Protein backbone atom coordinates (compact mmCIF):
# COMPACT_ATOMS: atom_id res chain seq x y z
CA UNK A 1 53.13 70.79 31.89
CA UNK A 2 53.92 67.54 30.11
CA UNK A 3 51.97 66.69 27.00
CA UNK A 4 49.73 63.64 27.53
CA UNK A 5 50.36 62.50 23.98
CA UNK A 6 53.20 62.79 21.53
CA UNK A 7 52.74 62.58 17.78
CA UNK A 8 55.60 61.00 15.85
CA UNK A 9 55.79 61.37 12.08
CA UNK A 10 57.54 58.50 10.32
CA UNK A 11 57.51 58.03 6.54
CA UNK A 12 54.49 60.33 6.20
CA UNK A 13 52.44 58.49 8.83
CA UNK A 14 51.48 59.81 12.25
CA UNK A 15 51.68 57.69 15.39
CA UNK A 16 50.29 58.66 18.77
CA UNK A 17 52.47 57.84 21.75
CA UNK A 18 50.43 57.78 24.94
CA UNK A 19 51.55 59.09 28.32
CA UNK A 20 52.39 55.87 30.19
CA UNK A 21 50.54 54.45 33.13
CA UNK A 22 52.42 52.53 35.82
CA UNK A 23 51.98 49.17 34.09
CA UNK A 24 53.25 50.49 30.77
CA UNK A 25 56.25 52.09 32.45
CA UNK A 26 57.09 48.76 34.11
CA UNK A 27 56.54 46.92 30.82
CA UNK A 28 58.96 49.22 28.98
CA UNK A 29 61.72 48.55 31.49
CA UNK A 30 60.99 44.81 31.53
CA UNK A 31 60.94 44.73 27.73
CA UNK A 32 64.44 46.24 27.65
CA UNK A 33 65.70 43.26 29.65
CA UNK A 34 63.82 40.78 27.47
CA UNK A 35 65.04 42.32 24.20
CA UNK A 36 68.65 42.44 25.42
CA UNK A 37 68.41 38.87 26.74
CA UNK A 38 69.13 40.12 30.25
CA UNK A 39 72.28 41.91 29.10
CA UNK A 40 71.07 45.53 29.22
CA UNK A 41 73.38 46.51 32.09
CA UNK A 42 76.31 44.70 30.52
CA UNK A 43 75.73 46.54 27.23
CA UNK A 44 75.77 49.85 29.10
CA UNK A 45 79.04 48.93 30.80
CA UNK A 46 80.64 47.76 27.54
CA UNK A 47 80.87 51.31 26.27
CA UNK A 48 81.53 50.42 22.63
CA UNK A 49 79.91 52.17 19.69
CA UNK A 50 78.18 48.95 18.63
CA UNK A 51 76.88 48.28 22.14
CA UNK A 52 75.54 51.82 22.26
CA UNK A 53 73.78 51.28 18.93
CA UNK A 54 72.29 48.00 20.20
CA UNK A 55 71.02 49.83 23.29
CA UNK A 56 69.38 52.45 21.07
CA UNK A 57 67.67 49.68 19.12
CA UNK A 58 66.46 48.03 22.32
CA UNK A 59 65.21 51.33 23.76
CA UNK A 60 63.37 52.30 20.58
CA UNK A 61 61.68 48.93 20.26
CA UNK A 62 60.73 48.75 23.94
CA UNK A 63 59.25 52.24 24.06
CA UNK A 64 57.44 52.28 20.74
CA UNK A 65 56.09 48.74 20.85
CA UNK A 66 54.42 49.46 24.20
CA UNK A 67 53.51 53.14 24.00
CA UNK A 68 52.29 53.66 20.43
CA UNK A 69 48.51 53.72 20.42
CA UNK A 70 47.28 50.52 18.81
CA UNK A 71 44.75 50.70 15.99
CA UNK A 72 42.84 47.71 17.39
CA UNK A 73 44.85 45.05 15.61
CA UNK A 74 47.40 42.86 17.33
CA UNK A 75 50.22 44.25 15.21
CA UNK A 76 51.89 47.54 16.09
CA UNK A 77 50.73 50.07 13.47
CA UNK A 78 54.27 51.41 13.04
CA UNK A 79 55.67 48.01 12.13
CA UNK A 80 52.67 47.33 9.92
CA UNK A 81 53.24 50.58 7.99
CA UNK A 82 56.95 49.85 7.67
CA UNK A 83 55.97 46.49 6.18
CA UNK A 84 57.79 44.34 8.71
CA UNK A 85 56.47 41.72 11.08
CA UNK A 86 58.68 42.91 13.92
CA UNK A 87 61.23 45.56 14.79
CA UNK A 88 64.01 43.04 14.17
CA UNK A 89 63.00 42.80 10.51
CA UNK A 90 63.21 46.56 10.01
CA UNK A 91 65.65 47.61 7.29
CA UNK A 92 68.61 49.74 8.36
CA UNK A 93 67.52 52.74 6.27
CA UNK A 94 64.07 52.73 7.90
CA UNK A 95 65.69 52.20 11.29
CA UNK A 96 67.94 55.24 10.85
CA UNK A 97 64.95 57.42 9.98
CA UNK A 98 63.02 56.07 12.96
CA UNK A 99 66.03 56.58 15.23
CA UNK A 100 66.28 60.24 14.21
CA UNK A 101 62.59 60.85 14.98
CA UNK A 102 62.99 58.99 18.28
CA UNK A 103 66.02 61.07 19.32
CA UNK A 104 64.52 64.40 18.19
CA UNK A 105 60.96 64.00 19.47
CA UNK A 106 60.56 61.05 21.82
CA UNK A 107 63.68 61.37 24.00
CA UNK A 108 62.97 64.97 25.16
CA UNK A 109 59.33 64.05 25.92
CA UNK A 110 60.38 60.89 27.81
CA UNK A 111 63.01 62.86 29.72
CA UNK A 112 60.28 65.20 30.99
CA UNK A 113 58.36 62.15 32.25
CA UNK A 114 61.46 60.87 34.04
CA UNK A 115 61.92 64.32 35.57
CA UNK A 116 58.36 64.12 36.86
CA UNK A 117 59.14 60.79 38.54
CA UNK A 118 62.55 61.84 39.86
CA UNK A 119 62.62 65.63 40.23
CA UNK A 120 66.02 67.23 40.41
CA UNK A 121 66.76 68.57 43.87
CA UNK A 122 67.53 72.23 44.08
CA UNK A 123 71.09 72.92 45.04
CA UNK A 124 71.50 74.66 48.34
C-alpha cells in the first residue's frame, strides 16, 4: 500500500507531500517542460553530468513546488523557510541538502506511484 502522504524533513522543518491527483500529476510533467524551456528531452539525451544535474534541479522544483502542502499563503512553505523567493534563488549548499532528502525519501515514494500507474508485467 502506498502512503497517501510523505513527510520530508529539511533544515529541521517538516513538509507534507500529498499523494497527487490527476491534475497535479499533469502539472508536474508540464512544469518540467516549462522549467527546462521545452528542452527536457534534449537534456535527457545530452547525457552529460551537468545536464543530469540540471534535470535533477528541474525535477525537484517541479515535484516539490506542486506537491508540498501549502500553508495557505501563495508562497511555497519550503522556499519561504529556506529564505528564497523561488527555487532558482536557492543557495547551492541548501540545494545539495534538499537534493539528498529528495533522492532518499521522495524518489522511492514517487517510484511506487509510477508503479501503480504502470505496473510491471509479470514475465512468462
